[in-house]
Amino acid sequence: MKATFIKALVLPIAAFVLASAGAVATDKSSVSKADDVLITGYIHQTTPTSCDAQQVDCDVSGSAPCMFGSNTVWRKANPSAAQPCALPLYKN
């Protein structure tokens, strides 16, 4: 009787311990969701005043310019400006 009771108690406890260890090991609460988001950048493929949208992994601050292929990626400053895509984006 005593052995059956111990066996019936050990399996749920072991399952709880493994589930808790798995939950702690896969915790991503310290990672920001914003880090995984692509932003819309713009490249000049045809003329300097054209803005072709591209989804890129760039940021508004940094030191190295963000590139899409061989093109520098820009962000829109003002759609009505003469050159609407003139603000640079940078690598993350």
PDB file of N, CA and C in Angstrom:
ATOM      1  N   MET A   1       0.817  -1.183   0.000  1.00  0.00           N
ATOM      2  CA  MET A   1       0.000   0.000   0.000  1.00  0.00           C
ATOM      3  C   MET A   1       0.871   1.261   0.000  1.00  0.00           C
ATOM      4  N   LYS A   2       1.910   1.240   0.879  1.00  0.00           N
ATOM      5  CA  LYS A   2       2.774   2.396   0.995  1.00  0.00           C
ATOM      6  C   LYS A   2       3.547   2.635  -0.307  1.00  0.00           C
ATOM      7  N   ALA A   3       4.012   1.568  -0.971  1.00  0.00           N
ATOM      8  CA  ALA A   3       4.773   1.684  -2.218  1.00  0.00           C
ATOM      9  C   ALA A   3       3.890   2.243  -3.335  1.00  0.00           C
ATOM     10  N   THR A   4       2.634   1.855  -3.417  1.00  0.00           N
ATOM     11  CA  THR A   4       1.714   2.349  -4.428  1.00  0.00           C
ATOM     12  C   THR A   4       1.452   3.842  -4.238  1.00  0.00           C
ATOM     13  N   PHE A   5       1.301   4.256  -2.990  1.00  0.00           N
ATOM     14  CA  PHE A   5       1.067   5.658  -2.703  1.00  0.00           C
ATOM     15  C   PHE A   5       2.266   6.512  -3.123  1.00  0.00           C
ATOM     16  N   ILE A   6       3.472   6.033  -2.847  1.00  0.00           N
ATOM     17  CA  ILE A   6       4.688   6.772  -3.212  1.00  0.00           C
ATOM     18  C   ILE A   6       4.818   6.858  -4.735  1.00  0.00           C
ATOM     19  N   LYS A   7       4.565   5.767  -5.449  1.00  0.00           N
ATOM     20  CA  LYS A   7       4.633   5.765  -6.909  1.00  0.00           C
ATOM     21  C   LYS A   7       3.604   6.726  -7.504  1.00  0.00           C
ATOM     22  N   ALA A   8       2.421   6.773  -6.931  1.00  0.00           N
ATOM     23  CA  ALA A   8       1.373   7.647  -7.434  1.00  0.00           C
ATOM     24  C   ALA A   8       1.705   9.114  -7.160  1.00  0.00           C
ATOM     25  N   LEU A   9       2.509   9.399  -6.182  1.00  0.00           N
ATOM     26  CA  LEU A   9       2.872  10.759  -5.839  1.00  0.00           C
ATOM     27  C   LEU A   9       4.119  11.236  -6.588  1.00  0.00           C
ATOM     28  N   VAL A  10       5.053  10.343  -6.889  1.00  0.00           N
ATOM     29  CA  VAL A  10       6.317  10.715  -7.523  1.00  0.00           C
ATOM     30  C   VAL A  10       6.107  11.175  -8.965  1.00  0.00           C
ATOM     31  N   LEU A  11       5.273  10.527  -9.726  1.00  0.00           N
ATOM     32  CA  LEU A  11       5.079  10.882 -11.133  1.00  0.00           C
ATOM     33  C   LEU A  11       4.521  12.305 -11.302  1.00  0.00           C
ATOM     34  N   PRO A  12       3.481  12.718 -10.600  1.00  0.00           N
ATOM     35  CA  PRO A  12       3.020  14.102 -10.747  1.00  0.00           C
ATOM     36  C   PRO A  12       4.052  15.139 -10.280  1.00  0.00           C
ATOM     37  N   ILE A  13       4.779  14.835  -9.230  1.00  0.00           N
ATOM     38  CA  ILE A  13       5.807  15.758  -8.751  1.00  0.00           C
ATOM     39  C   ILE A  13       6.918  15.892  -9.795  1.00  0.00           C
ATOM     40  N   ALA A  14       7.354  14.783 -10.364  1.00  0.00           N
ATOM     41  CA  ALA A  14       8.400  14.820 -11.395  1.00  0.00           C
ATOM     42  C   ALA A  14       7.922  15.598 -12.622  1.00  0.00           C
ATOM     43  N   ALA A  15       6.678  15.420 -13.024  1.00  0.00           N
ATOM     44  CA  ALA A  15       6.137  16.148 -14.163  1.00  0.00           C
ATOM     45  C   ALA A  15       6.096  17.646 -13.871  1.00  0.00           C
ATOM     46  N   PHE A  16       5.718  18.017 -12.662  1.00  0.00           N
ATOM     47  CA  PHE A  16       5.680  19.426 -12.271  1.00  0.00           C
ATOM     48  C   PHE A  16       7.083  20.033 -12.278  1.00  0.00           C
ATOM     49  N   VAL A  17       8.057  19.318 -11.776  1.00  0.00           N
ATOM     50  CA  VAL A  17       9.433  19.813 -11.740  1.00  0.00           C
ATOM     51  C   VAL A  17       9.964  20.007 -13.162  1.00  0.00           C
ATOM     52  N   LEU A  18       9.721  19.062 -14.055  1.00  0.00           N
ATOM     53  CA  LEU A  18      10.180  19.187 -15.440  1.00  0.00           C
ATOM     54  C   LEU A  18       9.478  20.339 -16.159  1.00  0.00           C
ATOM     55  N   ALA A  19       8.198  20.491 -15.942  1.00  0.00           N
ATOM     56  CA  ALA A  19       7.463  21.595 -16.575  1.00  0.00           C
ATOM     57  C   ALA A  19       7.956  22.946 -16.063  1.00  0.00           C
ATOM     58  N   SER A  20       8.220  23.047 -14.780  1.00  0.00           N
ATOM     59  CA  SER A  20       8.730  24.294 -14.208  1.00  0.00           C
ATOM     60  C   SER A  20      10.119  24.621 -14.757  1.00  0.00           C
ATOM     61  N   ALA A  21      10.966  23.616 -14.858  1.00  0.00           N
ATOM     62  CA  ALA A  21      12.311  23.835 -15.403  1.00  0.00           C
ATOM     63  C   ALA A  21      12.231  24.270 -16.864  1.00  0.00           C
ATOM     64  N   GLY A  22      11.336  23.697 -17.626  1.00  0.00           N
ATOM     65  CA  GLY A  22      11.164  24.092 -19.020  1.00  0.00           C
ATOM     66  C   GLY A  22      10.641  25.504 -19.154  1.00  0.00           C
ATOM     67  N   ALA A  23       9.741  25.899 -18.282  1.00  0.00           N
ATOM     68  CA  ALA A  23       9.195  27.254 -18.332  1.00  0.00           C
ATOM     69  C   ALA A  23      10.258  28.292 -17.992  1.00  0.00           C
ATOM     70  N   VAL A  24      11.092  28.009 -17.032  1.00  0.00           N
ATOM     71  CA  VAL A  24      12.153  28.936 -16.653  1.00  0.00           C
ATOM     72  C   VAL A  24      13.218  29.007 -17.739  1.00  0.00           C
ATOM     73  N   ALA A  25      13.534  27.887 -18.357  1.00  0.00           N
ATOM     74  CA  ALA A  25      14.579  27.852 -19.381  1.00  0.00           C
ATOM     75  C   ALA A  25      14.171  28.579 -20.662  1.00  0.00           C
ATOM     76  N   THR A  26      12.897  28.683 -20.951  1.00  0.00           N
ATOM     77  CA  THR A  26      12.441  29.317 -22.194  1.00  0.00           C
ATOM     78  C   THR A  26      11.835  30.694 -21.964  1.00  0.00           C
ATOM     79  N   ASP A  27      12.109  31.320 -20.836  1.00  0.00           N
ATOM     80  CA  ASP A  27      11.558  32.636 -20.530  1.00  0.00           C
ATOM     81  C   ASP A  27      12.179  33.686 -21.442  1.00  0.00           C
ATOM     82  N   LYS A  28      11.344  34.440 -22.183  1.00  0.00           N
ATOM     83  CA  LYS A  28      11.815  35.492 -23.070  1.00  0.00           C
ATOM     84  C   LYS A  28      11.287  36.854 -22.642  1.00  0.00           C
ATOM     85  N   SER A  29      10.952  37.009 -21.391  1.00  0.00           N
ATOM     86  CA  SER A  29      10.355  38.263 -20.948  1.00  0.00           C
ATOM     87  C   SER A  29      11.335  39.425 -21.002  1.00  0.00           C
ATOM     88  N   SER A  30      12.646  39.156 -20.980  1.00  0.00           N
ATOM     89  CA  SER A  30      13.615  40.242 -21.028  1.00  0.00           C
ATOM     90  C   SER A  30      13.878  40.727 -22.446  1.00  0.00           C
ATOM     91  N   VAL A  31      13.380  40.023 -23.460  1.00  0.00           N
ATOM     92  CA  VAL A  31      13.571  40.420 -24.847  1.00  0.00           C
ATOM     93  C   VAL A  31      12.392  41.276 -25.283  1.00  0.00           C
ATOM     94  N   SER A  32      12.687  42.417 -25.835  1.00  0.00           N
ATOM     95  CA  SER A  32      11.639  43.335 -26.265  1.00  0.00           C
ATOM     96  C   SER A  32      10.988  42.823 -27.545  1.00  0.00           C
ATOM     97  N   LYS A  33       9.682  42.923 -27.628  1.00  0.00           N
ATOM     98  CA  LYS A  33       8.964  42.541 -28.839  1.00  0.00           C
ATOM     99  C   LYS A  33       9.286  43.495 -29.984  1.00  0.00           C
ATOM    100  N   ALA A  34       9.646  44.730 -29.675  1.00  0.00           N
ATOM    101  CA  ALA A  34       9.956  45.714 -30.714  1.00  0.00           C
ATOM    102  C   ALA A  34      11.222  45.352 -31.473  1.00  0.00           C
ATOM    103  N   ASP A  35      12.113  44.550 -30.863  1.00  0.00           N
ATOM    104  CA  ASP A  35      13.342  44.158 -31.539  1.00  0.00           C
ATOM    105  C   ASP A  35      13.088  43.246 -32.727  1.00  0.00           C
ATOM    106  N   ASP A  36      11.955  42.577 -32.748  1.00  0.00           N
ATOM    107  CA  ASP A  36      11.660  41.621 -33.805  1.00  0.00           C
ATOM    108  C   ASP A  36      10.842  42.222 -34.942  1.00  0.00           C
ATOM    109  N   VAL A  37      10.503  43.475 -34.879  1.00  0.00           N
ATOM    110  CA  VAL A  37       9.610  44.092 -35.839  1.00  0.00           C
ATOM    111  C   VAL A  37      10.401  44.724 -36.977  1.00  0.00           C
ATOM    112  N   LEU A  38      10.003  44.407 -38.210  1.00  0.00           N
ATOM    113  CA  LEU A  38      10.593  45.052 -39.377  1.00  0.00           C
ATOM    114  C   LEU A  38       9.908  46.389 -39.597  1.00  0.00           C
ATOM    115  N   ILE A  39      10.660  47.366 -40.060  1.00  0.00           N
ATOM    116  CA  ILE A  39      10.069  48.662 -40.344  1.00  0.00           C
ATOM    117  C   ILE A  39      10.098  48.896 -41.850  1.00  0.00           C
ATOM    118  N   THR A  40       9.303  49.837 -42.298  1.00  0.00           N
ATOM    119  CA  THR A  40       9.281  50.173 -43.714  1.00  0.00           C
ATOM    120  C   THR A  40      10.352  51.218 -43.982  1.00  0.00           C
ATOM    121  N   GLY A  41      11.295  50.847 -44.823  1.00  0.00           N
ATOM    122  CA  GLY A  41      12.329  51.763 -45.273  1.00  0.00           C
ATOM    123  C   GLY A  41      12.107  52.022 -46.752  1.00  0.00           C
ATOM    124  N   TYR A  42      12.800  52.996 -47.288  1.00  0.00           N
ATOM    125  CA  TYR A  42      12.617  53.372 -48.688  1.00  0.00           C
ATOM    126  C   TYR A  42      13.962  53.455 -49.378  1.00  0.00           C
ATOM    127  N   ILE A  43      14.007  52.985 -50.620  1.00  0.00           N
ATOM    128  CA  ILE A  43      15.223  53.061 -51.412  1.00  0.00           C
ATOM    129  C   ILE A  43      14.948  53.846 -52.682  1.00  0.00           C
ATOM    130  N   HIS A  44      15.991  54.445 -53.231  1.00  0.00           N
ATOM    131  CA  HIS A  44      15.905  55.211 -54.476  1.00  0.00           C
ATOM    132  C   HIS A  44      16.447  54.306 -55.593  1.00  0.00           C
ATOM    133  N   GLN A  45      15.565  53.668 -56.346  1.00  0.00           N
ATOM    134  CA  GLN A  45      16.030  52.803 -57.427  1.00  0.00           C
ATOM    135  C   GLN A  45      16.026  53.517 -58.777  1.00  0.00           C
ATOM    136  N   THR A  46      15.041  54.317 -59.044  1.00  0.00           N
ATOM    137  CA  THR A  46      14.932  54.937 -60.363  1.00  0.00           C
ATOM    138  C   THR A  46      15.425  56.381 -60.354  1.00  0.00           C
ATOM    139  N   THR A  47      14.925  57.212 -59.474  1.00  0.00           N
ATOM    140  CA  THR A  47      15.360  58.609 -59.374  1.00  0.00           C
ATOM    141  C   THR A  47      15.531  58.966 -57.899  1.00  0.00           C
ATOM    142  N   PRO A  48      16.287  60.016 -57.610  1.00  0.00           N
ATOM    143  CA  PRO A  48      16.460  60.413 -56.202  1.00  0.00           C
ATOM    144  C   PRO A  48      15.171  60.854 -55.512  1.00  0.00           C
ATOM    145  N   THR A  49      14.153  61.216 -56.285  1.00  0.00           N
ATOM    146  CA  THR A  49      12.898  61.640 -55.663  1.00  0.00           C
ATOM    147  C   THR A  49      11.889  60.505 -55.540  1.00  0.00           C
ATOM    148  N   SER A  50      12.204  59.333 -56.102  1.00  0.00           N
ATOM    149  CA  SER A  50      11.286  58.202 -55.959  1.00  0.00           C
ATOM    150  C   SER A  50      11.605  57.456 -54.673  1.00  0.00           C
ATOM    151  N   CYS A  51      10.582  56.901 -54.060  1.00  0.00           N
ATOM    152  CA  CYS A  51      10.749  56.152 -52.813  1.00  0.00           C
ATOM    153  C   CYS A  51      10.067  54.804 -52.977  1.00  0.00           C
ATOM    154  N   ASP A  52      10.854  53.756 -53.110  1.00  0.00           N
ATOM    155  CA  ASP A  52      10.323  52.402 -53.225  1.00  0.00           C
ATOM    156  C   ASP A  52      10.381  51.740 -51.861  1.00  0.00           C
ATOM    157  N   ALA A  53       9.227  51.340 -51.330  1.00  0.00           N
ATOM    158  CA  ALA A  53       9.136  50.777 -49.979  1.00  0.00           C
ATOM    159  C   ALA A  53       9.728  49.378 -49.923  1.00  0.00           C
ATOM    160  N   GLN A  54      10.432  49.091 -48.822  1.00  0.00           N
ATOM    161  CA  GLN A  54      11.010  47.783 -48.531  1.00  0.00           C
ATOM    162  C   GLN A  54      10.888  47.526 -47.032  1.00  0.00           C
ATOM    163  N   GLN A  55      10.629  46.294 -46.649  1.00  0.00           N
ATOM    164  CA  GLN A  55      10.608  45.908 -45.237  1.00  0.00           C
ATOM    165  C   GLN A  55      12.038  45.566 -44.833  1.00  0.00           C
ATOM    166  N   VAL A  56      12.573  46.289 -43.856  1.00  0.00           N
ATOM    167  CA  VAL A  56      13.968  46.133 -43.461  1.00  0.00           C
ATOM    168  C   VAL A  56      14.094  46.054 -41.939  1.00  0.00           C
ATOM    169  N   ASP A  57      15.213  45.503 -41.497  1.00  0.00           N
ATOM    170  CA  ASP A  57      15.536  45.416 -40.077  1.00  0.00           C
ATOM    171  C   ASP A  57      16.553  46.515 -39.773  1.00  0.00           C
ATOM    172  N   CYS A  58      16.072  47.747 -39.626  1.00  0.00           N
ATOM    173  CA  CYS A  58      16.924  48.917 -39.425  1.00  0.00           C
ATOM    174  C   CYS A  58      16.421  49.712 -38.232  1.00  0.00           C
ATOM    175  N   ASP A  59      17.181  50.763 -37.892  1.00  0.00           N
ATOM    176  CA  ASP A  59      16.835  51.612 -36.761  1.00  0.00           C
ATOM    177  C   ASP A  59      17.052  53.068 -37.146  1.00  0.00           C
ATOM    178  N   VAL A  60      16.472  53.986 -36.379  1.00  0.00           N
ATOM    179  CA  VAL A  60      16.606  55.410 -36.675  1.00  0.00           C
ATOM    180  C   VAL A  60      17.889  56.006 -36.112  1.00  0.00           C
ATOM    181  N   SER A  61      18.640  55.252 -35.326  1.00  0.00           N
ATOM    182  CA  SER A  61      19.905  55.746 -34.794  1.00  0.00           C
ATOM    183  C   SER A  61      20.969  54.676 -34.962  1.00  0.00           C
ATOM    184  N   GLY A  62      22.198  55.093 -35.000  1.00  0.00           N
ATOM    185  CA  GLY A  62      23.319  54.187 -35.152  1.00  0.00           C
ATOM    186  C   GLY A  62      24.447  54.865 -35.882  1.00  0.00           C
ATOM    187  N   SER A  63      25.435  54.074 -36.315  1.00  0.00           N
ATOM    188  CA  SER A  63      26.577  54.660 -37.008  1.00  0.00           C
ATOM    189  C   SER A  63      26.729  54.127 -38.427  1.00  0.00           C
ATOM    190  N   ALA A  64      26.404  52.862 -38.652  1.00  0.00           N
ATOM    191  CA  ALA A  64      26.548  52.271 -39.990  1.00  0.00           C
ATOM    192  C   ALA A  64      25.229  52.399 -40.749  1.00  0.00           C
ATOM    193  N   PRO A  65      25.264  52.865 -41.990  1.00  0.00           N
ATOM    194  CA  PRO A  65      24.017  53.015 -42.745  1.00  0.00           C
ATOM    195  C   PRO A  65      23.364  51.664 -43.046  1.00  0.00           C
ATOM    196  N   CYS A  66      22.056  51.659 -43.049  1.00  0.00           N
ATOM    197  CA  CYS A  66      21.302  50.457 -43.375  1.00  0.00           C
ATOM    198  C   CYS A  66      21.292  50.283 -44.894  1.00  0.00           C
ATOM    199  N   MET A  67      21.519  49.064 -45.339  1.00  0.00           N
ATOM    200  CA  MET A  67      21.580  48.784 -46.770  1.00  0.00           C
ATOM    201  C   MET A  67      20.544  47.721 -47.128  1.00  0.00           C
ATOM    202  N   PHE A  68      19.991  47.836 -48.327  1.00  0.00           N
ATOM    203  CA  PHE A  68      19.119  46.819 -48.914  1.00  0.00           C
ATOM    204  C   PHE A  68      19.752  46.486 -50.258  1.00  0.00           C
ATOM    205  N   GLY A  69      20.462  45.369 -50.308  1.00  0.00           N
ATOM    206  CA  GLY A  69      21.262  45.064 -51.483  1.00  0.00           C
ATOM    207  C   GLY A  69      22.388  46.071 -51.570  1.00  0.00           C
ATOM    208  N   SER A  70      22.486  46.801 -52.663  1.00  0.00           N
ATOM    209  CA  SER A  70      23.515  47.838 -52.803  1.00  0.00           C
ATOM    210  C   SER A  70      22.939  49.239 -52.603  1.00  0.00           C
ATOM    211  N   ASN A  71      21.697  49.333 -52.155  1.00  0.00           N
ATOM    212  CA  ASN A  71      21.024  50.624 -51.978  1.00  0.00           C
ATOM    213  C   ASN A  71      20.963  51.021 -50.508  1.00  0.00           C
ATOM    214  N   THR A  72      21.199  52.307 -50.246  1.00  0.00           N
ATOM    215  CA  THR A  72      21.028  52.841 -48.900  1.00  0.00           C
ATOM    216  C   THR A  72      19.536  52.969 -48.617  1.00  0.00           C
ATOM    217  N   VAL A  73      19.146  52.631 -47.392  1.00  0.00           N
ATOM    218  CA  VAL A  73      17.735  52.689 -46.997  1.00  0.00           C
ATOM    219  C   VAL A  73      17.475  53.995 -46.250  1.00  0.00           C
ATOM    220  N   TRP A  74      16.362  54.648 -46.588  1.00  0.00           N
ATOM    221  CA  TRP A  74      15.985  55.930 -46.023  1.00  0.00           C
ATOM    222  C   TRP A  74      14.621  55.818 -45.367  1.00  0.00           C
ATOM    223  N   ARG A  75      14.261  56.842 -44.608  1.00  0.00           N
ATOM    224  CA  ARG A  75      12.906  56.926 -44.072  1.00  0.00           C
ATOM    225  C   ARG A  75      12.297  58.232 -44.549  1.00  0.00           C
ATOM    226  N   LYS A  76      10.979  58.266 -44.543  1.00  0.00           N
ATOM    227  CA  LYS A  76      10.281  59.449 -45.049  1.00  0.00           C
ATOM    228  C   LYS A  76      10.303  60.572 -44.015  1.00  0.00           C
ATOM    229  N   ALA A  77      10.642  61.752 -44.490  1.00  0.00           N
ATOM    230  CA  ALA A  77      10.619  62.941 -43.632  1.00  0.00           C
ATOM    231  C   ALA A  77       9.273  63.632 -43.764  1.00  0.00           C
ATOM    232  N   ASN A  78       8.909  63.954 -44.991  1.00  0.00           N
ATOM    233  CA  ASN A  78       7.670  64.654 -45.268  1.00  0.00           C
ATOM    234  C   ASN A  78       7.253  64.280 -46.690  1.00  0.00           C
ATOM    235  N   PRO A  79       6.102  63.664 -46.892  1.00  0.00           N
ATOM    236  CA  PRO A  79       5.702  63.217 -48.228  1.00  0.00           C
ATOM    237  C   PRO A  79       5.608  64.334 -49.257  1.00  0.00           C
ATOM    238  N   SER A  80       5.385  65.560 -48.829  1.00  0.00           N
ATOM    239  CA  SER A  80       5.244  66.657 -49.787  1.00  0.00           C
ATOM    240  C   SER A  80       6.579  67.351 -50.074  1.00  0.00           C
ATOM    241  N   ALA A  81       7.660  66.931 -49.444  1.00  0.00           N
ATOM    242  CA  ALA A  81       8.962  67.556 -49.667  1.00  0.00           C
ATOM    243  C   ALA A  81       9.496  67.188 -51.049  1.00  0.00           C
ATOM    244  N   ALA A  82      10.450  67.977 -51.539  1.00  0.00           N
ATOM    245  CA  ALA A  82      11.042  67.712 -52.857  1.00  0.00           C
ATOM    246  C   ALA A  82      11.731  66.351 -52.871  1.00  0.00           C
ATOM    247  N   GLN A  83      12.388  66.003 -51.793  1.00  0.00           N
ATOM    248  CA  GLN A  83      13.014  64.687 -51.664  1.00  0.00           C
ATOM    249  C   GLN A  83      12.452  64.049 -50.390  1.00  0.00           C
ATOM    250  N   PRO A  84      11.305  63.356 -50.496  1.00  0.00           N
ATOM    251  CA  PRO A  84      10.599  62.887 -49.301  1.00  0.00           C
ATOM    252  C   PRO A  84      11.335  61.812 -48.502  1.00  0.00           C
ATOM    253  N   CYS A  85      12.219  61.078 -49.132  1.00  0.00           N
ATOM    254  CA  CYS A  85      12.944  60.012 -48.432  1.00  0.00           C
ATOM    255  C   CYS A  85      14.388  60.445 -48.250  1.00  0.00           C
ATOM    256  N   ALA A  86      14.627  61.291 -47.266  1.00  0.00           N
ATOM    257  CA  ALA A  86      15.952  61.875 -47.099  1.00  0.00           C
ATOM    258  C   ALA A  86      16.574  61.622 -45.738  1.00  0.00           C
ATOM    259  N   LEU A  87      15.840  61.015 -44.830  1.00  0.00           N
ATOM    260  CA  LEU A  87      16.394  60.747 -43.505  1.00  0.00           C
ATOM    261  C   LEU A  87      17.003  59.348 -43.481  1.00  0.00           C
ATOM    262  N   PRO A  88      18.254  59.196 -43.079  1.00  0.00           N
ATOM    263  CA  PRO A  88      18.897  57.891 -43.140  1.00  0.00           C
ATOM    264  C   PRO A  88      18.399  56.925 -42.065  1.00  0.00           C
ATOM    265  N   LEU A  89      18.495  55.647 -42.372  1.00  0.00           N
ATOM    266  CA  LEU A  89      18.267  54.582 -41.406  1.00  0.00           C
ATOM    267  C   LEU A  89      19.599  53.886 -41.167  1.00  0.00           C
ATOM    268  N   TYR A  90      19.737  53.229 -40.022  1.00  0.00           N
ATOM    269  CA  TYR A  90      20.997  52.612 -39.644  1.00  0.00           C
ATOM    270  C   TYR A  90      20.804  51.136 -39.314  1.00  0.00           C
ATOM    271  N   LYS A  91      21.890  50.371 -39.392  1.00  0.00           N
ATOM    272  CA  LYS A  91      21.854  48.954 -39.046  1.00  0.00           C
ATOM    273  C   LYS A  91      21.544  48.786 -37.576  1.00  0.00           C
ATOM    274  N   ASN A  92      20.809  47.717 -37.256  1.00  0.00           N
ATOM    275  CA  ASN A  92      20.545  47.386 -35.846  1.00  0.00           C
ATOM    276  C   ASN A  92      21.770  46.795 -35.224  1.00  0.00           C
TER     277      ASN A  92
END
